[in-house]
């Protein structure tokens, strides 16, 4: 039986979030997968699926999928979606992020569809928040850079992967060095602050000493002036006549 003649076709959601879709007559919320990663399933008629595809990117961007035995016919014959094999599954995206390779990063950087990249960035954020896997810093940076490029309308990426290593041990060493550099920078800033405070106190002491010396000098000048006046003052009384 041709796919368009089927009464129902199961639509699957492997994602961790609810996906909302609308047909010509109704709107539906397709629940997220369960804790074991098993997808939620909701049946639709072929006409409803074409309506959903007209109203959203849910199928084109991979938010929703179909049973494996139905995929080729649904994508090619019913929805006319070319290169459907290139639509990444959630599990494939997770693998690219958690166990990165240069080829995998090339695949991510080559993506030009904003909706697909929203999925990738959403999965990256979820993996980081769950804390189950460590994400290599370089992978995090590349995904965020490509996200900014697409946000600025740059379809052909300027990100170069030449000479980059995605070996976890290498990148862990780099991350450790970066952490050490941050610690050293923090220590340097603390020392500079401490030296600045010491210099300020020294300047205050120098200023106070200068003020004190000036006061002492003024007192000495007054004392000398008084002595001079005393020396010039005539003796009181009349001088004795000599006999």
C-alpha atoms as a PDB file:
ATOM      1  CA  UNK A   1       0.000   0.000   0.000  1.00  0.00           C
ATOM      2  CA  UNK A   2       1.303   3.409  -0.951  1.00  0.00           C
ATOM      3  CA  UNK A   3       2.140   5.629   2.011  1.00  0.00           C
ATOM      4  CA  UNK A   4      -0.428   8.247   0.955  1.00  0.00           C
ATOM      5  CA  UNK A   5      -3.168   5.610   1.084  1.00  0.00           C
ATOM      6  CA  UNK A   6      -2.416   4.601   4.656  1.00  0.00           C
ATOM      7  CA  UNK A   7      -4.962   5.510   7.327  1.00  0.00           C
ATOM      8  CA  UNK A   8      -2.361   6.454   9.923  1.00  0.00           C
ATOM      9  CA  UNK A   9       1.388   7.072  10.109  1.00  0.00           C
ATOM     10  CA  UNK A  10       3.139   7.164  13.457  1.00  0.00           C
ATOM     11  CA  UNK A  11       5.033  10.358  14.274  1.00  0.00           C
ATOM     12  CA  UNK A  12       7.859   9.978  16.817  1.00  0.00           C
ATOM     13  CA  UNK A  13       9.438  12.463  19.206  1.00  0.00           C
ATOM     14  CA  UNK A  14      12.894  11.369  20.407  1.00  0.00           C
ATOM     15  CA  UNK A  15      13.597  14.792  21.896  1.00  0.00           C
ATOM     16  CA  UNK A  16      13.601  15.852  25.525  1.00  0.00           C
ATOM     17  CA  UNK A  17      11.040  18.609  24.914  1.00  0.00           C
ATOM     18  CA  UNK A  18       7.382  18.771  23.966  1.00  0.00           C
ATOM     19  CA  UNK A  19       6.873  19.551  20.260  1.00  0.00           C
ATOM     20  CA  UNK A  20       3.752  21.488  19.290  1.00  0.00           C
ATOM     21  CA  UNK A  21       2.305  21.091  15.798  1.00  0.00           C
ATOM     22  CA  UNK A  22      -0.881  22.083  14.013  1.00  0.00           C
ATOM     23  CA  UNK A  23      -2.944  20.559  11.233  1.00  0.00           C
ATOM     24  CA  UNK A  24      -5.661  22.292   9.266  1.00  0.00           C
ATOM     25  CA  UNK A  25      -8.216  21.760  12.036  1.00  0.00           C
ATOM     26  CA  UNK A  26      -6.369  21.157  15.311  1.00  0.00           C
ATOM     27  CA  UNK A  27      -3.192  21.658  17.330  1.00  0.00           C
ATOM     28  CA  UNK A  28      -1.298  18.931  19.153  1.00  0.00           C
ATOM     29  CA  UNK A  29       1.488  18.659  21.692  1.00  0.00           C
ATOM     30  CA  UNK A  30       3.674  15.605  21.101  1.00  0.00           C
ATOM     31  CA  UNK A  31       5.301  14.636  24.435  1.00  0.00           C
ATOM     32  CA  UNK A  32       9.032  14.170  24.910  1.00  0.00           C
ATOM     33  CA  UNK A  33      10.700  10.769  25.039  1.00  0.00           C
ATOM     34  CA  UNK A  34      10.795   8.806  28.297  1.00  0.00           C
ATOM     35  CA  UNK A  35      13.764   8.644  30.663  1.00  0.00           C
ATOM     36  CA  UNK A  36      15.181   5.659  28.753  1.00  0.00           C
ATOM     37  CA  UNK A  37      15.139   7.558  25.467  1.00  0.00           C
ATOM     38  CA  UNK A  38      12.158   5.712  23.998  1.00  0.00           C
ATOM     39  CA  UNK A  39      10.192   8.085  21.758  1.00  0.00           C
ATOM     40  CA  UNK A  40       6.621   9.177  22.317  1.00  0.00           C
ATOM     41  CA  UNK A  41       4.303   8.132  19.480  1.00  0.00           C
ATOM     42  CA  UNK A  42       1.300   9.937  18.032  1.00  0.00           C
ATOM     43  CA  UNK A  43      -0.624   8.740  14.942  1.00  0.00           C
ATOM     44  CA  UNK A  44      -1.632  11.099  12.141  1.00  0.00           C
ATOM     45  CA  UNK A  45      -3.218  10.663   8.729  1.00  0.00           C
ATOM     46  CA  UNK A  46      -1.107  11.384   5.635  1.00  0.00           C
ATOM     47  CA  UNK A  47      -3.031  14.615   4.993  1.00  0.00           C
ATOM     48  CA  UNK A  48      -2.446  15.783   8.579  1.00  0.00           C
ATOM     49  CA  UNK A  49       1.274  15.107   8.183  1.00  0.00           C
ATOM     50  CA  UNK A  50       1.425  17.205   5.005  1.00  0.00           C
ATOM     51  CA  UNK A  51      -0.424  19.987   6.862  1.00  0.00           C
ATOM     52  CA  UNK A  52       2.074  19.831   9.729  1.00  0.00           C
ATOM     53  CA  UNK A  53       4.947  19.991   7.244  1.00  0.00           C
ATOM     54  CA  UNK A  54       3.418  23.061   5.596  1.00  0.00           C
ATOM     55  CA  UNK A  55       3.007  24.825   8.949  1.00  0.00           C
ATOM     56  CA  UNK A  56       6.388  24.099  10.546  1.00  0.00           C
ATOM     57  CA  UNK A  57       9.945  22.786  10.194  1.00  0.00           C
ATOM     58  CA  UNK A  58       9.307  19.926  12.609  1.00  0.00           C
ATOM     59  CA  UNK A  59      10.042  17.216  10.024  1.00  0.00           C
ATOM     60  CA  UNK A  60      12.592  19.123   7.929  1.00  0.00           C
ATOM     61  CA  UNK A  61      14.669  19.997  11.000  1.00  0.00           C
ATOM     62  CA  UNK A  62      14.395  16.595  12.668  1.00  0.00           C
ATOM     63  CA  UNK A  63      12.349  17.563  15.727  1.00  0.00           C
ATOM     64  CA  UNK A  64       9.920  14.800  14.741  1.00  0.00           C
ATOM     65  CA  UNK A  65      10.606  11.561  12.891  1.00  0.00           C
ATOM     66  CA  UNK A  66       8.884   8.440  11.582  1.00  0.00           C
ATOM     67  CA  UNK A  67       9.202   4.689  11.979  1.00  0.00           C
ATOM     68  CA  UNK A  68      12.323   3.462  10.162  1.00  0.00           C
ATOM     69  CA  UNK A  69      10.302   1.331   7.767  1.00  0.00           C
ATOM     70  CA  UNK A  70       8.212   4.378   6.803  1.00  0.00           C
ATOM     71  CA  UNK A  71      10.940   7.019   6.557  1.00  0.00           C
ATOM     72  CA  UNK A  72      11.904   6.759   2.899  1.00  0.00           C
ATOM     73  CA  UNK A  73       8.341   6.806   1.572  1.00  0.00           C
ATOM     74  CA  UNK A  74       7.156   9.573   3.920  1.00  0.00           C
ATOM     75  CA  UNK A  75      10.100  11.885   3.252  1.00  0.00           C
ATOM     76  CA  UNK A  76      10.452  11.250  -0.468  1.00  0.00           C
ATOM     77  CA  UNK A  77       6.919  10.494  -1.698  1.00  0.00           C
ATOM     78  CA  UNK A  78       4.654  12.290   0.771  1.00  0.00           C
ATOM     79  CA  UNK A  79       6.691  15.313   1.935  1.00  0.00           C
ATOM     80  CA  UNK A  80       9.114  15.684  -0.993  1.00  0.00           C
ATOM     81  CA  UNK A  81      12.008  16.343   1.396  1.00  0.00           C
ATOM     82  CA  UNK A  82      15.340  15.903  -0.371  1.00  0.00           C
ATOM     83  CA  UNK A  83      18.478  14.678   1.382  1.00  0.00           C
ATOM     84  CA  UNK A  84      16.389  13.419   4.311  1.00  0.00           C
ATOM     85  CA  UNK A  85      19.230  11.074   5.214  1.00  0.00           C
ATOM     86  CA  UNK A  86      21.224  14.165   6.212  1.00  0.00           C
ATOM     87  CA  UNK A  87      18.701  15.103   8.910  1.00  0.00           C
ATOM     88  CA  UNK A  88      20.522  14.255  12.124  1.00  0.00           C
ATOM     89  CA  UNK A  89      18.854  12.232  14.839  1.00  0.00           C
ATOM     90  CA  UNK A  90      19.162  13.377  18.465  1.00  0.00           C
ATOM     91  CA  UNK A  91      21.375  10.379  19.234  1.00  0.00           C
ATOM     92  CA  UNK A  92      23.673  11.293  16.325  1.00  0.00           C
ATOM     93  CA  UNK A  93      23.964  14.886  17.501  1.00  0.00           C
ATOM     94  CA  UNK A  94      24.779  13.721  21.027  1.00  0.00           C
ATOM     95  CA  UNK A  95      27.492  11.446  19.633  1.00  0.00           C
ATOM     96  CA  UNK A  96      29.018  14.340  17.643  1.00  0.00           C
ATOM     97  CA  UNK A  97      29.122  16.489  20.780  1.00  0.00           C
ATOM     98  CA  UNK A  98      30.243  13.914  23.345  1.00  0.00           C
ATOM     99  CA  UNK A  99      32.744  12.059  21.117  1.00  0.00           C
ATOM    100  CA  UNK A 100      33.847  14.759  18.665  1.00  0.00           C
ATOM    101  CA  UNK A 101      35.885  14.200  15.529  1.00  0.00           C
ATOM    102  CA  UNK A 102      37.077  16.622  12.875  1.00  0.00           C
ATOM    103  CA  UNK A 103      34.688  15.068  10.349  1.00  0.00           C
ATOM    104  CA  UNK A 104      31.809  15.419  12.776  1.00  0.00           C
ATOM    105  CA  UNK A 105      32.650  19.083  13.417  1.00  0.00           C
ATOM    106  CA  UNK A 106      32.815  19.680   9.645  1.00  0.00           C
ATOM    107  CA  UNK A 107      29.315  18.248   9.419  1.00  0.00           C
ATOM    108  CA  UNK A 108      28.075  20.644  12.118  1.00  0.00           C
ATOM    109  CA  UNK A 109      29.841  23.691  10.675  1.00  0.00           C
ATOM    110  CA  UNK A 110      28.357  22.939   7.227  1.00  0.00           C
ATOM    111  CA  UNK A 111      24.772  23.242   8.517  1.00  0.00           C
ATOM    112  CA  UNK A 112      22.953  26.265   7.067  1.00  0.00           C
ATOM    113  CA  UNK A 113      19.463  25.684   8.490  1.00  0.00           C
ATOM    114  CA  UNK A 114      18.798  27.778  11.603  1.00  0.00           C
ATOM    115  CA  UNK A 115      16.120  25.422  12.940  1.00  0.00           C
ATOM    116  CA  UNK A 116      18.436  22.419  12.727  1.00  0.00           C
ATOM    117  CA  UNK A 117      21.159  24.355  14.470  1.00  0.00           C
ATOM    118  CA  UNK A 118      18.729  25.366  17.210  1.00  0.00           C
ATOM    119  CA  UNK A 119      18.296  21.635  17.834  1.00  0.00           C
ATOM    120  CA  UNK A 120      22.052  21.110  18.032  1.00  0.00           C
ATOM    121  CA  UNK A 121      22.558  24.024  20.402  1.00  0.00           C
ATOM    122  CA  UNK A 122      19.607  22.881  22.510  1.00  0.00           C
ATOM    123  CA  UNK A 123      21.075  19.383  22.828  1.00  0.00           C
ATOM    124  CA  UNK A 124      24.497  20.866  23.680  1.00  0.00           C
ATOM    125  CA  UNK A 125      22.912  22.950  26.461  1.00  0.00           C
ATOM    126  CA  UNK A 126      21.018  19.936  27.804  1.00  0.00           C
ATOM    127  CA  UNK A 127      24.143  17.752  27.880  1.00  0.00           C
ATOM    128  CA  UNK A 128      26.061  20.444  29.754  1.00  0.00           C
ATOM    129  CA  UNK A 129      23.240  20.998  32.246  1.00  0.00           C
ATOM    130  CA  UNK A 130      22.824  17.274  32.920  1.00  0.00           C
ATOM    131  CA  UNK A 131      26.535  17.006  33.704  1.00  0.00           C
ATOM    132  CA  UNK A 132      26.612  13.371  32.627  1.00  0.00           C
ATOM    133  CA  UNK A 133      29.324  13.979  30.027  1.00  0.00           C
ATOM    134  CA  UNK A 134      32.168  16.460  29.765  1.00  0.00           C
ATOM    135  CA  UNK A 135      31.976  18.553  26.631  1.00  0.00           C
ATOM    136  CA  UNK A 136      35.321  19.494  25.089  1.00  0.00           C
ATOM    137  CA  UNK A 137      35.717  23.282  25.255  1.00  0.00           C
ATOM    138  CA  UNK A 138      36.684  23.429  21.592  1.00  0.00           C
ATOM    139  CA  UNK A 139      33.392  21.770  20.574  1.00  0.00           C
ATOM    140  CA  UNK A 140      31.408  24.197  22.734  1.00  0.00           C
ATOM    141  CA  UNK A 141      33.198  27.170  21.153  1.00  0.00           C
ATOM    142  CA  UNK A 142      32.726  25.937  17.566  1.00  0.00           C
ATOM    143  CA  UNK A 143      28.991  25.338  18.024  1.00  0.00           C
ATOM    144  CA  UNK A 144      28.495  28.763  19.594  1.00  0.00           C
ATOM    145  CA  UNK A 145      30.565  30.472  16.881  1.00  0.00           C
ATOM    146  CA  UNK A 146      28.534  28.780  14.129  1.00  0.00           C
ATOM    147  CA  UNK A 147      25.317  29.743  15.919  1.00  0.00           C
ATOM    148  CA  UNK A 148      26.416  33.396  15.883  1.00  0.00           C
ATOM    149  CA  UNK A 149      27.333  33.143  12.191  1.00  0.00           C
ATOM    150  CA  UNK A 150      23.889  31.828  11.266  1.00  0.00           C
ATOM    151  CA  UNK A 151      22.283  34.497  13.441  1.00  0.00           C
ATOM    152  CA  UNK A 152      24.161  37.097  11.376  1.00  0.00           C
ATOM    153  CA  UNK A 153      23.076  35.539   8.087  1.00  0.00           C
ATOM    154  CA  UNK A 154      26.441  33.905   7.315  1.00  0.00           C
ATOM    155  CA  UNK A 155      25.666  30.639   5.513  1.00  0.00           C
ATOM    156  CA  UNK A 156      29.237  29.814   4.439  1.00  0.00           C
ATOM    157  CA  UNK A 157      31.164  29.438   7.661  1.00  0.00           C
ATOM    158  CA  UNK A 158      34.490  31.143   8.225  1.00  0.00           C
ATOM    159  CA  UNK A 159      35.418  28.690  10.976  1.00  0.00           C
ATOM    160  CA  UNK A 160      38.648  26.848  10.190  1.00  0.00           C
ATOM    161  CA  UNK A 161      39.191  23.373  11.612  1.00  0.00           C
ATOM    162  CA  UNK A 162      42.681  22.985  10.146  1.00  0.00           C
ATOM    163  CA  UNK A 163      45.231  21.856  12.699  1.00  0.00           C
ATOM    164  CA  UNK A 164      42.629  21.425  15.447  1.00  0.00           C
ATOM    165  CA  UNK A 165      42.643  18.321  17.613  1.00  0.00           C
ATOM    166  CA  UNK A 166      39.512  16.957  19.237  1.00  0.00           C
ATOM    167  CA  UNK A 167      41.316  14.316  21.253  1.00  0.00           C
ATOM    168  CA  UNK A 168      39.804  14.476  24.747  1.00  0.00           C
ATOM    169  CA  UNK A 169      43.152  14.039  26.506  1.00  0.00           C
ATOM    170  CA  UNK A 170      44.742  16.844  24.494  1.00  0.00           C
ATOM    171  CA  UNK A 171      41.830  19.150  25.093  1.00  0.00           C
ATOM    172  CA  UNK A 172      41.666  18.253  28.770  1.00  0.00           C
ATOM    173  CA  UNK A 173      45.316  19.299  29.048  1.00  0.00           C
ATOM    174  CA  UNK A 174      44.503  22.544  27.264  1.00  0.00           C
ATOM    175  CA  UNK A 175      41.555  23.109  29.582  1.00  0.00           C
ATOM    176  CA  UNK A 176      43.812  22.440  32.593  1.00  0.00           C
ATOM    177  CA  UNK A 177      46.335  24.972  31.328  1.00  0.00           C
ATOM    178  CA  UNK A 178      43.579  27.483  30.737  1.00  0.00           C
ATOM    179  CA  UNK A 179      42.354  26.924  34.298  1.00  0.00           C
ATOM    180  CA  UNK A 180      45.884  27.411  35.598  1.00  0.00           C
ATOM    181  CA  UNK A 181      46.227  30.595  33.558  1.00  0.00           C
ATOM    182  CA  UNK A 182      42.982  31.913  35.029  1.00  0.00           C
ATOM    183  CA  UNK A 183      44.226  31.104  38.531  1.00  0.00           C
ATOM    184  CA  UNK A 184      47.551  32.823  37.861  1.00  0.00           C
ATOM    185  CA  UNK A 185      45.789  35.845  36.401  1.00  0.00           C
ATOM    186  CA  UNK A 186      43.542  36.027  39.476  1.00  0.00           C
ATOM    187  CA  UNK A 187      46.586  35.770  41.741  1.00  0.00           C
ATOM    188  CA  UNK A 188      48.367  38.455  39.714  1.00  0.00           C
ATOM    189  CA  UNK A 189      45.379  40.786  39.956  1.00  0.00           C
ATOM    190  CA  UNK A 190      45.193  40.205  43.727  1.00  0.00           C
ATOM    191  CA  UNK A 191      48.905  41.011  44.107  1.00  0.00           C
ATOM    192  CA  UNK A 192      48.550  44.126  41.966  1.00  0.00           C
ATOM    193  CA  UNK A 193      45.635  45.242  44.107  1.00  0.00           C
ATOM    194  CA  UNK A 194      47.634  44.583  47.266  1.00  0.00           C
ATOM    195  CA  UNK A 195      50.623  46.518  45.889  1.00  0.00           C
ATOM    196  CA  UNK A 196      48.346  49.381  44.897  1.00  0.00           C
ATOM    197  CA  UNK A 197      46.938  49.522  48.425  1.00  0.00           C
ATOM    198  CA  UNK A 198      50.467  49.440  49.882  1.00  0.00           C
ATOM    199  CA  UNK A 199      51.552  52.211  47.512  1.00  0.00           C
ATOM    200  CA  UNK A 200      48.515  54.267  48.531  1.00  0.00           C
ATOM    201  CA  UNK A 201      49.388  53.860  52.215  1.00  0.00           C
ATOM    202  CA  UNK A 202      53.022  54.749  51.482  1.00  0.00           C
ATOM    203  CA  UNK A 203      51.914  57.856  49.588  1.00  0.00           C
ATOM    204  CA  UNK A 204      49.694  58.833  52.509  1.00  0.00           C
ATOM    205  CA  UNK A 205      52.563  58.332  54.969  1.00  0.00           C
ATOM    206  CA  UNK A 206      54.909  60.320  52.727  1.00  0.00           C
ATOM    207  CA  UNK A 207      52.368  63.116  52.476  1.00  0.00           C
ATOM    208  CA  UNK A 208      51.804  63.093  56.253  1.00  0.00           C
ATOM    209  CA  UNK A 209      55.573  63.117  56.877  1.00  0.00           C
ATOM    210  CA  UNK A 210      55.983  66.016  54.463  1.00  0.00           C
ATOM    211  CA  UNK A 211      53.224  67.914  56.272  1.00  0.00           C
ATOM    212  CA  UNK A 212      54.871  67.150  59.619  1.00  0.00           C
ATOM    213  CA  UNK A 213      58.292  68.282  58.366  1.00  0.00           C
ATOM    214  CA  UNK A 214      56.764  71.460  57.001  1.00  0.00           C
ATOM    215  CA  UNK A 215      55.134  72.160  60.373  1.00  0.00           C
ATOM    216  CA  UNK A 216      58.441  71.495  62.172  1.00  0.00           C
ATOM    217  CA  UNK A 217      60.256  73.796  59.777  1.00  0.00           C
ATOM    218  CA  UNK A 218      57.678  76.519  60.339  1.00  0.00           C
ATOM    219  CA  UNK A 219      58.037  76.128  64.115  1.00  0.00           C
ATOM    220  CA  UNK A 220      61.829  76.326  63.787  1.00  0.00           C
ATOM    221  CA  UNK A 221      61.537  79.502  61.698  1.00  0.00           C
ATOM    222  CA  UNK A 222      59.281  81.067  64.349  1.00  0.00           C
ATOM    223  CA  UNK A 223      61.742  80.123  67.110  1.00  0.00           C
ATOM    224  CA  UNK A 224      64.692  81.618  65.232  1.00  0.00           C
ATOM    225  CA  UNK A 225      62.690  84.761  64.553  1.00  0.00           C
ATOM    226  CA  UNK A 226      61.846  85.109  68.239  1.00  0.00           C
ATOM    227  CA  UNK A 227      65.498  84.724  69.238  1.00  0.00           C
ATOM    228  CA  UNK A 228      66.514  87.389  66.760  1.00  0.00           C
ATOM    229  CA  UNK A 229      63.927  89.791  68.121  1.00  0.00           C
ATOM    230  CA  UNK A 230      65.073  89.072  71.678  1.00  0.00           C
ATOM    231  CA  UNK A 231      68.671  89.749  70.762  1.00  0.00           C
ATOM    232  CA  UNK A 232      67.857  93.110  69.209  1.00  0.00           C
ATOM    233  CA  UNK A 233      65.668  94.334  72.114  1.00  0.00           C
ATOM    234  CA  UNK A 234      67.427  97.163  74.195  1.00  0.00           C
ATOM    235  CA  UNK A 235      68.214  96.511  77.872  1.00  0.00           C
ATOM    236  CA  UNK A 236      65.749  98.097  80.274  1.00  0.00           C
ATOM    237  CA  UNK A 237      66.814 100.895  82.812  1.00  0.00           C
ATOM    238  CA  UNK A 238      69.594 103.577  82.766  1.00  0.00           C
ATOM    239  CA  UNK A 239      73.233 102.702  82.636  1.00  0.00           C
ATOM    240  CA  UNK A 240      75.356 103.339  85.854  1.00  0.00           C
ATOM    241  CA  UNK A 241      77.725 106.281  85.924  1.00  0.00           C
ATOM    242  CA  UNK A 242      81.306 105.348  86.293  1.00  0.00           C
ATOM    243  CA  UNK A 243      83.035 106.751  89.373  1.00  0.00           C
END
